[in-house]
C-alpha atoms as a PDB file:
ATOM      1  CA  MET A   1     -18.531  10.280 -15.685  1.00  0.00           C
ATOM      2  CA  ILE A   2     -14.869  10.435 -16.633  1.00  0.00           C
ATOM      3  CA  TYR A   3     -13.941  11.777 -13.198  1.00  0.00           C
ATOM      4  CA  VAL A   4     -15.892   9.016 -11.437  1.00  0.00           C
ATOM      5  CA  LYS A   5     -14.098   6.329 -13.456  1.00  0.00           C
ATOM      6  CA  CYS A   6     -10.766   7.974 -12.741  1.00  0.00           C
ATOM      7  CA  ALA A   7     -11.508   8.240  -9.020  1.00  0.00           C
ATOM      8  CA  LEU A   8     -12.440   4.556  -8.943  1.00  0.00           C
ATOM      9  CA  ALA A   9      -9.196   3.715 -10.718  1.00  0.00           C
ATOM     10  CA  GLY A  10      -7.303   5.718  -8.102  1.00  0.00           C
ATOM     11  CA  LEU A  11      -9.061   3.881  -5.281  1.00  0.00           C
ATOM     12  CA  LEU A  12      -8.321   0.567  -6.961  1.00  0.00           C
ATOM     13  CA  ALA A  13      -4.641   1.534  -7.147  1.00  0.00           C
ATOM     14  CA  VAL A  14      -4.642   2.318  -3.413  1.00  0.00           C
ATOM     15  CA  LEU A  15      -6.312  -1.006  -2.584  1.00  0.00           C
ATOM     16  CA  ALA A  16      -3.906  -2.950  -4.790  1.00  0.00           C
ATOM     17  CA  ALA A  17      -0.918  -1.231  -3.181  1.00  0.00           C
ATOM     18  CA  ALA A  18      -2.320  -1.937   0.299  1.00  0.00           C
ATOM     19  CA  MET A  19      -2.773  -5.631  -0.483  1.00  0.00           C
ATOM     20  CA  LEU A  20       0.725  -5.853  -1.942  1.00  0.00           C
ATOM     21  CA  LEU A  21       2.137  -4.113   1.129  1.00  0.00           C
ATOM     22  CA  ALA A  22       0.266  -6.512   3.437  1.00  0.00           C
ATOM     23  CA  ILE A  23       1.708  -9.513   1.605  1.00  0.00           C
ATOM     24  CA  VAL A  24       5.230  -8.073   1.759  1.00  0.00           C
ATOM     25  CA  VAL A  25       4.873  -7.300   5.479  1.00  0.00           C
ATOM     26  CA  VAL A  26       3.605 -10.795   6.301  1.00  0.00           C
ATOM     27  CA  VAL A  27       6.430 -12.439   4.354  1.00  0.00           C
ATOM     28  CA  GLY A  28       9.004 -10.092   5.872  1.00  0.00           C
ATOM     29  CA  ILE A  29       7.795 -10.656   9.427  1.00  0.00           C
ATOM     30  CA  SER A  30       7.743 -14.424   8.980  1.00  0.00           C
ATOM     31  CA  ILE A  31      11.290 -14.408   7.587  1.00  0.00           C
ATOM     32  CA  ALA A  32      12.481 -12.139  10.409  1.00  0.00           C
ATOM     33  CA  SER A  33      10.665 -14.268  12.965  1.00  0.00           C
ATOM     34  CA  SER A  34      12.234 -17.498  11.730  1.00  0.00           C
ATOM     35  CA  SER A  35      15.733 -16.005  11.777  1.00  0.00           C
ATOM     36  CA  LEU A  36      15.230 -14.548  15.261  1.00  0.00           C
ATOM     37  CA  GLN A  37      13.864 -17.790  16.691  1.00  0.00           C
ATOM     38  CA  SER A  38      16.981 -19.672  15.735  1.00  0.00           C
ATOM     39  CA  SER A  39      19.317 -17.183  17.434  1.00  0.00           C
ATOM     40  CA  GLN A  40      17.242 -15.551  20.204  1.00  0.00           C
ATOM     41  CA  ALA A  41      14.024 -16.037  22.073  1.00  0.00           C
ATOM     42  CA  GLY A  42      11.462 -13.323  21.471  1.00  0.00           C
ATOM     43  CA  SER A  43       8.770 -12.097  19.174  1.00  0.00           C
ATOM     44  CA  VAL A  44       8.533  -9.760  16.234  1.00  0.00           C
ATOM     45  CA  GLY A  45       5.921  -7.047  16.578  1.00  0.00           C
ATOM     46  CA  TRP A  46       4.398  -4.345  14.433  1.00  0.00           C
ATOM     47  CA  ASP A  47       2.645  -1.205  15.583  1.00  0.00           C
ATOM     48  CA  PRO A  48      -0.362  -0.279  13.398  1.00  0.00           C
ATOM     49  CA  ILE A  49      -0.374   3.198  14.965  1.00  0.00           C
ATOM     50  CA  SER A  50       2.696   3.897  12.820  1.00  0.00           C
ATOM     51  CA  LEU A  51       0.300   4.245   9.861  1.00  0.00           C
ATOM     52  CA  ALA A  52      -1.082   7.468  11.338  1.00  0.00           C
ATOM     53  CA  ARG A  53       2.013   9.443  10.343  1.00  0.00           C
ATOM     54  CA  PRO A  54       1.668  12.175   7.701  1.00  0.00           C
ATOM     55  CA  PHE A  55       4.200  10.495   5.413  1.00  0.00           C
ATOM     56  CA  THR A  56       1.952   7.450   5.130  1.00  0.00           C
ATOM     57  CA  TRP A  57      -0.973   9.606   4.043  1.00  0.00           C
ATOM     58  CA  LEU A  58       1.215  11.377   1.485  1.00  0.00           C
ATOM     59  CA  VAL A  59       2.194   8.008   0.018  1.00  0.00           C
ATOM     60  CA  VAL A  60      -1.472   6.948  -0.141  1.00  0.00           C
ATOM     61  CA  LEU A  61      -2.386  10.255  -1.794  1.00  0.00           C
ATOM     62  CA  GLY A  62       0.445   9.814  -4.288  1.00  0.00           C
ATOM     63  CA  ILE A  63      -0.725   6.307  -5.194  1.00  0.00           C
ATOM     64  CA  PHE A  64      -4.282   7.590  -5.627  1.00  0.00           C
ATOM     65  CA  LEU A  65      -3.151  10.453  -7.860  1.00  0.00           C
ATOM     66  CA  VAL A  66      -1.042   8.146 -10.021  1.00  0.00           C
ATOM     67  CA  GLY A  67      -4.015   5.819 -10.522  1.00  0.00           C
ATOM     68  CA  PHE A  68      -6.368   8.751 -11.143  1.00  0.00           C
ATOM     69  CA  PHE A  69      -4.196  10.470 -13.735  1.00  0.00           C
ATOM     70  CA  TRP A  70      -3.275   7.182 -15.405  1.00  0.00           C
ATOM     71  CA  GLU A  71      -6.946   6.430 -16.012  1.00  0.00           C
ATOM     72  CA  PHE A  72      -7.744  10.082 -16.853  1.00  0.00           C
ATOM     73  CA  ARG A  73      -5.008  10.159 -19.489  1.00  0.00           C
ATOM     74  CA  ARG A  74      -6.147   6.829 -20.908  1.00  0.00           C
ATOM     75  CA  VAL A  75      -9.829   7.850 -21.085  1.00  0.00           C
ATOM     76  CA  ARG A  76      -9.116  11.290 -22.572  1.00  0.00           C
ATOM     77  CA  SER A  77      -7.044   9.814 -25.409  1.00  0.00           C
ATOM     78  CA  LYS A  78     -10.012   7.785 -26.720  1.00  0.00           C
END
């Protein structure tokens, strides 16, 4: 049961990081878009295929492991 709780904590950490990243990206694109519209005509784009790179999966795995071991350490100390 401890491992299930820890895995859920890791997944929650990944979801929280993904939501935070989405908020940062939206704010960043809107700021970049407003500054570009005043100086140039054009659009700001983002390629979701860029998430298929191995580095992205290593970051996701790292976030999961941090959440997993954080919860595992906390549960084992009780």
